[in-house]
Protein backbone atom coordinates (compact mmCIF):
# COMPACT_ATOMS: atom_id res chain seq x y z
CA MET A 1 -3.60 -2.52 17.09
CA LYS A 2 -0.39 -1.34 15.42
CA SER A 3 -0.33 2.08 13.81
CA VAL A 4 0.30 2.51 10.12
CA ASN A 5 3.70 4.02 10.84
CA GLU A 6 4.60 0.98 12.98
CA LYS A 7 3.62 -1.30 10.09
CA LEU A 8 5.69 0.78 7.66
CA LYS A 9 8.65 0.53 10.05
CA GLU A 10 8.16 -3.25 10.30
CA ILE A 11 8.30 -3.50 6.49
CA LYS A 12 11.55 -1.54 6.39
CA LEU A 13 13.06 -3.70 9.15
CA LEU A 14 11.94 -6.92 7.42
CA ILE A 15 13.48 -5.86 4.12
CA GLY A 16 16.72 -4.94 5.92
CA ARG A 17 16.88 -8.38 7.58
CA LEU A 18 16.09 -10.16 4.33
CA GLU A 19 18.78 -8.18 2.49
CA LYS A 20 21.27 -9.74 4.92
CA ASP A 21 19.72 -13.22 5.11
CA THR A 22 18.58 -13.70 1.49
CA PRO A 23 20.44 -11.08 -0.55
CA LYS A 24 20.05 -12.72 -3.98
CA GLN A 25 16.31 -13.17 -3.63
CA ILE A 26 15.68 -9.64 -2.32
CA GLU A 27 17.91 -8.14 -5.00
CA ALA A 28 15.97 -10.04 -7.68
CA PHE A 29 12.64 -9.02 -6.15
CA ASN A 30 13.74 -5.35 -5.95
CA LYS A 31 14.86 -5.39 -9.60
CA PHE A 32 11.53 -6.91 -10.65
CA MET A 33 9.64 -4.34 -8.60
CA GLN A 34 11.65 -1.44 -10.06
CA ALA A 35 11.17 -2.72 -13.62
CA THR A 36 7.44 -3.12 -13.07
CA GLU A 37 7.02 0.27 -11.41
CA SER A 38 9.01 2.09 -14.11
CA SER A 39 6.24 1.53 -16.65
CA ASN A 40 5.19 4.63 -18.56
CA ALA A 41 1.77 3.26 -19.46
CA ILE A 42 0.36 3.62 -15.93
CA ASP A 43 1.34 6.56 -13.75
CA LYS A 44 2.56 6.15 -10.17
CA LYS A 45 -0.73 7.19 -8.59
CA MET A 46 -2.70 4.64 -10.63
CA GLN A 47 -0.14 1.93 -9.83
CA GLU A 48 -0.53 2.62 -6.11
CA LEU A 49 -4.34 2.60 -6.35
CA ILE A 50 -4.27 -0.74 -8.19
CA ASN A 51 -1.81 -2.14 -5.65
CA LEU A 52 -4.03 -0.92 -2.82
CA ALA A 53 -7.03 -2.75 -4.29
CA LEU A 54 -4.94 -5.89 -4.57
CA ALA A 55 -3.72 -5.45 -0.99
CA VAL A 56 -7.31 -5.26 0.24
CA ALA A 57 -8.25 -8.38 -1.73
CA ALA A 58 -5.15 -10.17 -0.38
CA GLN A 59 -6.04 -8.98 3.14
CA CYS A 60 -2.53 -7.71 3.84
CA GLU A 61 -2.56 -4.89 6.40
CA TRP A 62 1.14 -4.11 5.83
CA CYS A 63 0.54 -3.87 2.07
CA ILE A 64 -2.47 -1.62 2.70
CA ALA A 65 -0.35 0.72 4.84
CA LEU A 66 2.41 0.77 2.21
CA HIS A 67 0.09 1.46 -0.73
CA VAL A 68 -2.15 4.02 1.02
CA LYS A 69 1.05 5.91 1.80
CA GLY A 70 2.27 5.46 -1.77
CA ALA A 71 -1.06 6.65 -3.15
CA ILE A 72 -1.07 9.72 -0.89
CA ASP A 73 2.54 10.49 -1.79
CA ALA A 74 1.60 10.19 -5.48
CA GLY A 75 -1.22 12.72 -5.03
CA ALA A 76 -4.26 10.48 -4.61
CA SER A 77 -7.23 11.93 -2.77
CA LYS A 78 -9.09 10.22 0.04
CA GLU A 79 -11.96 9.60 -2.40
CA GLU A 80 -9.67 7.94 -4.97
CA ILE A 81 -8.14 5.72 -2.29
CA LEU A 82 -11.52 4.65 -0.96
CA GLU A 83 -12.92 4.01 -4.44
CA SER A 84 -9.96 1.84 -5.44
CA ALA A 85 -10.26 -0.14 -2.19
CA MET A 86 -13.99 -0.57 -2.83
CA GLN A 87 -13.17 -2.15 -6.22
CA ALA A 88 -11.54 -4.96 -4.26
CA VAL A 89 -14.64 -5.24 -2.10
CA LEU A 90 -16.77 -5.49 -5.24
CA MET A 91 -14.63 -8.31 -6.60
CA HIS A 92 -13.76 -10.01 -3.31
CA GLY A 93 -16.91 -9.53 -1.23
CA GLY A 94 -17.48 -9.29 2.53
CA PRO A 95 -14.00 -10.27 3.71
CA ALA A 96 -12.52 -7.44 1.63
CA LEU A 97 -15.12 -5.06 3.07
CA MET A 98 -13.67 -5.65 6.54
CA TYR A 99 -10.25 -4.56 5.25
CA MET A 100 -11.71 -1.12 4.65
CA ILE A 101 -10.96 -0.64 8.38
CA PRO A 102 -7.16 -0.60 7.91
CA VAL A 103 -7.62 1.49 4.73
CA GLU A 104 -9.53 4.13 6.71
CA ASN A 105 -7.04 3.92 9.59
CA ALA A 106 -4.13 4.45 7.20
CA ILE A 107 -5.82 7.41 5.48
CA ASN A 108 -6.66 9.04 8.79
CA GLU A 109 -3.21 8.52 10.28
CA LEU A 110 -1.26 9.54 7.19
CA LEU A 111 -3.39 12.54 6.28
CA GLU A 112 -3.44 13.95 9.84
CA GLY A 113 -1.75 17.30 9.69
CA LYS A 114 -1.40 17.21 5.90
CA GLU A 115 -4.66 19.10 5.52
CA ASP A 116 -3.16 21.89 7.65
CA GLU A 117 -0.16 22.23 5.31
């Protein structure tokens, strides 16, 4: 099983390749993402928690890694991350419940050592 940091690296490498291979599409996607994330109505932490729930429902391990990291970086607690992921389980059922495994793995890997800081 790949670590969260390996998945995050894969995302970065994929985006780099796509910037070369499909520059117009990636530029448009990045602009859309930046416009959406610059909203003042929902703060960064809440955006990441919503995106995490959607990642669990979509069953995307790379998205889970990205948004657990984003949530942690935005100040979300372990409890907030788990509760947002459980919202996806509530709405998506058993398959989403199994994606709590990569959520827990990402929390554990990314918070290791942070508690000592």
